[in-house]
């Protein structure tokens, strides 16, 4: 069981840098929507910005909480 927890911890640590990539892509896409001189793009950016922020917090929180939990587990 200790090997299983170690494998999960390794998986979480491997995924952690990619979560920041996903977050940055989401924020950059919102920035591009605001940079395009189109009212439709601005409205789409305004509508999706809160969901990008909530999703970013969810992804980062899940990775950090998972890392913390499997860091505390000892068998």
Protein backbone atom coordinates (compact mmCIF):
# COMPACT_ATOMS: atom_id res chain seq x y z
CA UNK A 1 0.00 0.00 0.00
CA UNK A 2 2.96 2.29 0.63
CA UNK A 3 4.05 1.84 -2.99
CA UNK A 4 0.53 2.78 -4.16
CA UNK A 5 0.59 6.02 -2.13
CA UNK A 6 4.07 6.75 -3.45
CA UNK A 7 2.89 6.24 -7.03
CA UNK A 8 -0.06 8.58 -6.53
CA UNK A 9 2.21 11.21 -4.98
CA UNK A 10 4.61 10.88 -7.92
CA UNK A 11 1.71 11.25 -10.36
CA UNK A 12 0.45 14.38 -8.62
CA UNK A 13 3.93 15.92 -8.59
CA UNK A 14 4.29 15.14 -12.31
CA UNK A 15 0.94 16.77 -13.14
CA UNK A 16 1.54 19.91 -11.06
CA UNK A 17 3.53 21.91 -13.67
CA UNK A 18 0.94 21.15 -16.34
CA UNK A 19 -1.84 22.61 -14.23
CA UNK A 20 -0.12 25.98 -14.42
CA UNK A 21 0.11 25.62 -18.20
CA UNK A 22 -3.65 25.00 -18.39
CA UNK A 23 -4.32 28.01 -16.16
CA UNK A 24 -2.07 30.27 -18.23
CA UNK A 25 -3.67 29.14 -21.51
CA UNK A 26 -7.10 29.99 -20.10
CA UNK A 27 -6.01 33.43 -18.94
CA UNK A 28 -4.19 34.17 -22.20
CA UNK A 29 -7.28 33.19 -24.18
CA UNK A 30 -9.33 35.69 -22.15
CA UNK A 31 -6.68 38.33 -22.85
CA UNK A 32 -6.84 37.60 -26.58
CA UNK A 33 -10.61 37.94 -26.49
CA UNK A 34 -10.25 41.40 -24.99
CA UNK A 35 -7.51 42.35 -27.47
CA UNK A 36 -9.63 41.53 -30.52
CA UNK A 37 -11.51 44.66 -31.61
CA UNK A 38 -14.91 43.01 -31.59
CA UNK A 39 -17.76 43.57 -29.19
CA UNK A 40 -18.81 39.93 -29.54
CA UNK A 41 -15.33 38.77 -28.47
CA UNK A 42 -15.38 41.18 -25.50
CA UNK A 43 -18.75 39.83 -24.37
CA UNK A 44 -17.49 36.24 -24.72
CA UNK A 45 -14.42 37.16 -22.65
CA UNK A 46 -16.54 38.76 -19.94
CA UNK A 47 -18.86 35.75 -19.83
CA UNK A 48 -16.08 33.16 -19.59
CA UNK A 49 -13.66 35.00 -17.25
CA UNK A 50 -15.38 33.95 -13.99
CA UNK A 51 -15.48 30.32 -15.11
CA UNK A 52 -11.79 30.40 -16.03
CA UNK A 53 -10.96 31.76 -12.57
CA UNK A 54 -13.14 29.21 -10.76
CA UNK A 55 -11.72 26.38 -12.87
CA UNK A 56 -8.18 27.57 -12.21
CA UNK A 57 -8.77 27.59 -8.47
CA UNK A 58 -10.36 24.15 -8.66
CA UNK A 59 -7.47 22.63 -10.66
CA UNK A 60 -4.72 24.19 -8.53
CA UNK A 61 -6.53 23.38 -5.30
CA UNK A 62 -7.11 19.75 -6.25
CA UNK A 63 -3.46 19.24 -7.10
CA UNK A 64 -2.17 20.89 -3.94
CA UNK A 65 -4.67 19.17 -1.65
CA UNK A 66 -3.91 15.81 -3.26
CA UNK A 67 -0.20 16.42 -2.83
CA UNK A 68 -0.71 17.34 0.82
CA UNK A 69 -2.95 14.32 1.55
CA UNK A 70 -0.61 11.80 -0.03
CA UNK A 71 2.34 13.50 1.67
CA UNK A 72 0.71 12.80 5.04
CA UNK A 73 -0.18 9.16 4.35
CA UNK A 74 2.25 6.66 5.78
CA UNK A 75 1.64 2.93 5.86
